[in-house]
Amino acid sequence: MTGTDSSAYEGFTAEERAAMKEHARELKTAARRTSAAEKAAQAAADVLAKIAEMGDSDRIMAERVHAVITTTAPSLAPKLWYGMPAYALNGKIVCHFQPAEKFKSRYATLGFSDQARLDEGAMWPAGFALTEVTAEVEDRIAELVKRAAG
């Protein structure tokens, strides 16, 4: 690769830098909270506030995804993760909703971490593109989240 190659890596994008700064603020805010109950309640409120800030398409999908996850797997605790709604088990992120607008993508994403118990043979999906959350999609999300939370 030459120094004039326009496809050369130039560091993090503005969106990636913003997400990292958001995550640092989330960690500082969480550290200031006192009790575990206060932390959990405020983390859930933070997730709902973040969803409310989203544009129409992302907000509608995020609301439905949030409802499915919290109903299907109440053991997963809502919390912000890099400025995105995420759901954790014992403090570790299991899944998250990435709005399309976050990184200027053409679709939102429901992603699963290595904590999710979705193992299926030697290879399995860890992320799903979302363009709409229909009843069928909600059923699939519920099935995945139930397995992921184990």
C-alpha atoms as a PDB file:
ATOM      1  CA  MET A   1       0.000   0.000   0.000  1.00  0.00           C
ATOM      2  CA  THR A   2       1.407   3.403  -0.906  1.00  0.00           C
ATOM      3  CA  GLY A   3       1.097   6.667   1.009  1.00  0.00           C
ATOM      4  CA  THR A   4      -1.191   8.039  -1.710  1.00  0.00           C
ATOM      5  CA  ASP A   5      -3.687   5.171  -1.564  1.00  0.00           C
ATOM      6  CA  SER A   6      -7.056   6.779  -0.816  1.00  0.00           C
ATOM      7  CA  SER A   7      -8.353   3.560   0.767  1.00  0.00           C
ATOM      8  CA  ALA A   8      -5.651   3.637   3.467  1.00  0.00           C
ATOM      9  CA  TYR A   9      -6.764   3.424   7.067  1.00  0.00           C
ATOM     10  CA  GLU A  10      -7.103   6.898   8.541  1.00  0.00           C
ATOM     11  CA  GLY A  11      -8.214   6.068  12.082  1.00  0.00           C
ATOM     12  CA  PHE A  12     -11.625   6.082  13.644  1.00  0.00           C
ATOM     13  CA  THR A  13     -14.558   7.749  11.939  1.00  0.00           C
ATOM     14  CA  ALA A  14     -16.291  10.688  13.603  1.00  0.00           C
ATOM     15  CA  GLU A  15     -19.172   8.367  14.492  1.00  0.00           C
ATOM     16  CA  GLU A  16     -16.820   5.840  16.094  1.00  0.00           C
ATOM     17  CA  ARG A  17     -15.062   8.566  18.113  1.00  0.00           C
ATOM     18  CA  ALA A  18     -18.449   9.894  19.268  1.00  0.00           C
ATOM     19  CA  ALA A  19     -19.509   6.389  20.354  1.00  0.00           C
ATOM     20  CA  MET A  20     -16.305   5.964  22.379  1.00  0.00           C
ATOM     21  CA  LYS A  21     -16.821   9.340  24.091  1.00  0.00           C
ATOM     22  CA  GLU A  22     -20.414   8.372  24.830  1.00  0.00           C
ATOM     23  CA  HIS A  23     -19.243   5.114  26.393  1.00  0.00           C
ATOM     24  CA  ALA A  24     -16.758   6.972  28.607  1.00  0.00           C
ATOM     25  CA  ARG A  25     -19.583   9.268  29.816  1.00  0.00           C
ATOM     26  CA  GLU A  26     -21.783   6.203  30.495  1.00  0.00           C
ATOM     27  CA  LEU A  27     -19.055   4.639  32.660  1.00  0.00           C
ATOM     28  CA  LYS A  28     -18.494   7.865  34.630  1.00  0.00           C
ATOM     29  CA  THR A  29     -22.227   8.326  35.187  1.00  0.00           C
ATOM     30  CA  ALA A  30     -22.674   4.720  36.353  1.00  0.00           C
ATOM     31  CA  ALA A  31     -19.737   5.045  38.750  1.00  0.00           C
ATOM     32  CA  ARG A  32     -21.403   8.046  40.462  1.00  0.00           C
ATOM     33  CA  ARG A  33     -24.592   6.140  41.258  1.00  0.00           C
ATOM     34  CA  THR A  34     -24.743   4.713  44.745  1.00  0.00           C
ATOM     35  CA  SER A  35     -26.925   1.657  45.205  1.00  0.00           C
ATOM     36  CA  ALA A  36     -27.376  -1.286  42.853  1.00  0.00           C
ATOM     37  CA  ALA A  37     -31.111  -0.584  42.675  1.00  0.00           C
ATOM     38  CA  GLU A  38     -30.469   3.066  41.772  1.00  0.00           C
ATOM     39  CA  LYS A  39     -27.971   1.995  39.114  1.00  0.00           C
ATOM     40  CA  ALA A  40     -30.403  -0.500  37.558  1.00  0.00           C
ATOM     41  CA  ALA A  41     -33.365   1.892  37.590  1.00  0.00           C
ATOM     42  CA  GLN A  42     -31.369   4.748  36.108  1.00  0.00           C
ATOM     43  CA  ALA A  43     -29.751   2.505  33.494  1.00  0.00           C
ATOM     44  CA  ALA A  44     -33.211   1.377  32.330  1.00  0.00           C
ATOM     45  CA  ALA A  45     -34.384   5.012  32.230  1.00  0.00           C
ATOM     46  CA  ASP A  46     -31.256   5.961  30.259  1.00  0.00           C
ATOM     47  CA  VAL A  47     -32.057   3.289  27.662  1.00  0.00           C
ATOM     48  CA  LEU A  48     -35.624   4.538  27.251  1.00  0.00           C
ATOM     49  CA  ALA A  49     -34.396   8.138  26.954  1.00  0.00           C
ATOM     50  CA  LYS A  50     -31.859   7.122  24.284  1.00  0.00           C
ATOM     51  CA  ILE A  51     -34.567   5.278  22.347  1.00  0.00           C
ATOM     52  CA  ALA A  52     -36.821   8.360  22.563  1.00  0.00           C
ATOM     53  CA  GLU A  53     -34.050  10.474  20.945  1.00  0.00           C
ATOM     54  CA  MET A  54     -33.853   8.247  17.851  1.00  0.00           C
ATOM     55  CA  GLY A  55     -35.335   9.114  14.484  1.00  0.00           C
ATOM     56  CA  ASP A  56     -38.743   7.641  13.666  1.00  0.00           C
ATOM     57  CA  SER A  57     -37.708   4.404  11.950  1.00  0.00           C
ATOM     58  CA  ASP A  58     -34.973   3.497  14.446  1.00  0.00           C
ATOM     59  CA  ARG A  59     -37.120   4.562  17.427  1.00  0.00           C
ATOM     60  CA  ILE A  60     -40.075   2.413  16.377  1.00  0.00           C
ATOM     61  CA  MET A  61     -37.856  -0.640  15.908  1.00  0.00           C
ATOM     62  CA  ALA A  62     -35.906   0.006  19.129  1.00  0.00           C
ATOM     63  CA  GLU A  63     -39.125   0.330  21.155  1.00  0.00           C
ATOM     64  CA  ARG A  64     -40.386  -2.989  19.848  1.00  0.00           C
ATOM     65  CA  VAL A  65     -37.015  -4.731  20.299  1.00  0.00           C
ATOM     66  CA  HIS A  66     -36.799  -3.350  23.860  1.00  0.00           C
ATOM     67  CA  ALA A  67     -40.297  -4.592  24.664  1.00  0.00           C
ATOM     68  CA  VAL A  68     -39.565  -8.077  23.293  1.00  0.00           C
ATOM     69  CA  ILE A  69     -36.254  -8.379  25.144  1.00  0.00           C
ATOM     70  CA  THR A  70     -37.506  -7.125  28.506  1.00  0.00           C
ATOM     71  CA  THR A  71     -40.604  -9.346  28.307  1.00  0.00           C
ATOM     72  CA  THR A  72     -38.865 -12.475  27.022  1.00  0.00           C
ATOM     73  CA  ALA A  73     -35.723 -12.281  29.159  1.00  0.00           C
ATOM     74  CA  PRO A  74     -36.363 -10.220  32.311  1.00  0.00           C
ATOM     75  CA  SER A  75     -32.994 -11.448  33.617  1.00  0.00           C
ATOM     76  CA  LEU A  76     -31.311  -9.156  31.068  1.00  0.00           C
ATOM     77  CA  ALA A  77     -30.750  -5.675  32.493  1.00  0.00           C
ATOM     78  CA  PRO A  78     -31.115  -2.714  30.109  1.00  0.00           C
ATOM     79  CA  LYS A  79     -28.124  -0.380  29.985  1.00  0.00           C
ATOM     80  CA  LEU A  80     -26.420   1.926  27.517  1.00  0.00           C
ATOM     81  CA  TRP A  81     -23.387   0.593  25.694  1.00  0.00           C
ATOM     82  CA  TYR A  82     -21.508   3.012  23.432  1.00  0.00           C
ATOM     83  CA  GLY A  83     -24.694   5.075  23.348  1.00  0.00           C
ATOM     84  CA  MET A  84     -26.843   2.156  22.199  1.00  0.00           C
ATOM     85  CA  PRO A  85     -29.555   0.224  24.028  1.00  0.00           C
ATOM     86  CA  ALA A  86     -28.007  -2.967  25.341  1.00  0.00           C
ATOM     87  CA  TYR A  87     -29.037  -5.794  27.637  1.00  0.00           C
ATOM     88  CA  ALA A  88     -26.687  -7.406  30.149  1.00  0.00           C
ATOM     89  CA  LEU A  89     -26.590 -10.518  32.272  1.00  0.00           C
ATOM     90  CA  ASN A  90     -24.491 -10.241  35.432  1.00  0.00           C
ATOM     91  CA  GLY A  91     -23.049  -6.974  34.125  1.00  0.00           C
ATOM     92  CA  LYS A  92     -21.919  -8.395  30.775  1.00  0.00           C
ATOM     93  CA  ILE A  93     -23.565  -7.320  27.520  1.00  0.00           C
ATOM     94  CA  VAL A  94     -25.505 -10.131  25.848  1.00  0.00           C
ATOM     95  CA  CYS A  95     -27.193  -8.177  23.042  1.00  0.00           C
ATOM     96  CA  HIS A  96     -27.627  -4.640  21.756  1.00  0.00           C
ATOM     97  CA  PHE A  97     -29.646  -2.600  19.286  1.00  0.00           C
ATOM     98  CA  GLN A  98     -27.589  -0.460  16.915  1.00  0.00           C
ATOM     99  CA  PRO A  99     -29.719   2.181  15.175  1.00  0.00           C
ATOM    100  CA  ALA A 100     -29.042   2.711  11.486  1.00  0.00           C
ATOM    101  CA  GLU A 101     -28.392   6.401  12.088  1.00  0.00           C
ATOM    102  CA  LYS A 102     -25.609   5.629  14.617  1.00  0.00           C
ATOM    103  CA  PHE A 103     -23.048   4.803  11.933  1.00  0.00           C
ATOM    104  CA  LYS A 104     -25.034   6.015   8.909  1.00  0.00           C
ATOM    105  CA  SER A 105     -25.929   2.473   7.905  1.00  0.00           C
ATOM    106  CA  ARG A 106     -28.796   1.429   5.668  1.00  0.00           C
ATOM    107  CA  TYR A 107     -30.246  -0.834   8.373  1.00  0.00           C
ATOM    108  CA  ALA A 108     -30.379  -1.167  12.154  1.00  0.00           C
ATOM    109  CA  THR A 109     -28.708  -4.158  13.784  1.00  0.00           C
ATOM    110  CA  LEU A 110     -29.556  -6.520  16.603  1.00  0.00           C
ATOM    111  CA  GLY A 111     -26.181  -7.790  17.738  1.00  0.00           C
ATOM    112  CA  PHE A 112     -25.169 -10.529  20.157  1.00  0.00           C
ATOM    113  CA  SER A 113     -21.905 -10.736  22.100  1.00  0.00           C
ATOM    114  CA  ASP A 114     -19.858 -13.796  22.903  1.00  0.00           C
ATOM    115  CA  GLN A 115     -21.842 -13.952  26.175  1.00  0.00           C
ATOM    116  CA  ALA A 116     -24.944 -14.951  24.190  1.00  0.00           C
ATOM    117  CA  ARG A 117     -25.550 -18.672  24.195  1.00  0.00           C
ATOM    118  CA  LEU A 118     -26.361 -18.952  20.511  1.00  0.00           C
ATOM    119  CA  ASP A 119     -23.667 -21.496  19.699  1.00  0.00           C
ATOM    120  CA  GLU A 120     -24.704 -23.759  16.874  1.00  0.00           C
ATOM    121  CA  GLY A 121     -21.979 -25.980  15.471  1.00  0.00           C
ATOM    122  CA  ALA A 122     -18.786 -24.335  14.287  1.00  0.00           C
ATOM    123  CA  MET A 123     -20.446 -21.154  12.957  1.00  0.00           C
ATOM    124  CA  TRP A 124     -23.534 -19.077  13.834  1.00  0.00           C
ATOM    125  CA  PRO A 125     -24.801 -15.543  13.272  1.00  0.00           C
ATOM    126  CA  ALA A 126     -23.997 -12.926  15.912  1.00  0.00           C
ATOM    127  CA  GLY A 127     -25.743  -9.979  14.250  1.00  0.00           C
ATOM    128  CA  PHE A 128     -28.998  -9.449  12.413  1.00  0.00           C
ATOM    129  CA  ALA A 129     -29.942  -6.599  10.068  1.00  0.00           C
ATOM    130  CA  LEU A 130     -33.311  -5.002  10.831  1.00  0.00           C
ATOM    131  CA  THR A 131     -35.293  -2.888   8.400  1.00  0.00           C
ATOM    132  CA  GLU A 132     -38.647  -3.463  10.079  1.00  0.00           C
ATOM    133  CA  VAL A 133     -39.899  -5.235  13.192  1.00  0.00           C
ATOM    134  CA  THR A 134     -42.956  -7.260  12.241  1.00  0.00           C
ATOM    135  CA  ALA A 135     -44.759  -9.845  14.383  1.00  0.00           C
ATOM    136  CA  GLU A 136     -42.659 -12.543  12.702  1.00  0.00           C
ATOM    137  CA  VAL A 137     -39.446 -10.635  13.466  1.00  0.00           C
ATOM    138  CA  GLU A 138     -40.560 -10.158  17.080  1.00  0.00           C
ATOM    139  CA  ASP A 139     -41.047 -13.935  17.379  1.00  0.00           C
ATOM    140  CA  ARG A 140     -37.546 -14.544  15.996  1.00  0.00           C
ATOM    141  CA  ILE A 141     -36.035 -11.950  18.354  1.00  0.00           C
ATOM    142  CA  ALA A 142     -37.824 -13.560  21.314  1.00  0.00           C
ATOM    143  CA  GLU A 143     -36.483 -16.983  20.332  1.00  0.00           C
ATOM    144  CA  LEU A 144     -32.920 -15.670  19.969  1.00  0.00           C
ATOM    145  CA  VAL A 145     -32.998 -13.671  23.202  1.00  0.00           C
ATOM    146  CA  LYS A 146     -34.407 -16.593  25.167  1.00  0.00           C
ATOM    147  CA  ARG A 147     -31.527 -18.781  23.912  1.00  0.00           C
ATOM    148  CA  ALA A 148     -28.955 -16.013  24.375  1.00  0.00           C
ATOM    149  CA  ALA A 149     -29.930 -15.403  28.009  1.00  0.00           C
ATOM    150  CA  GLY A 150     -29.873 -19.176  28.592  1.00  0.00           C
END
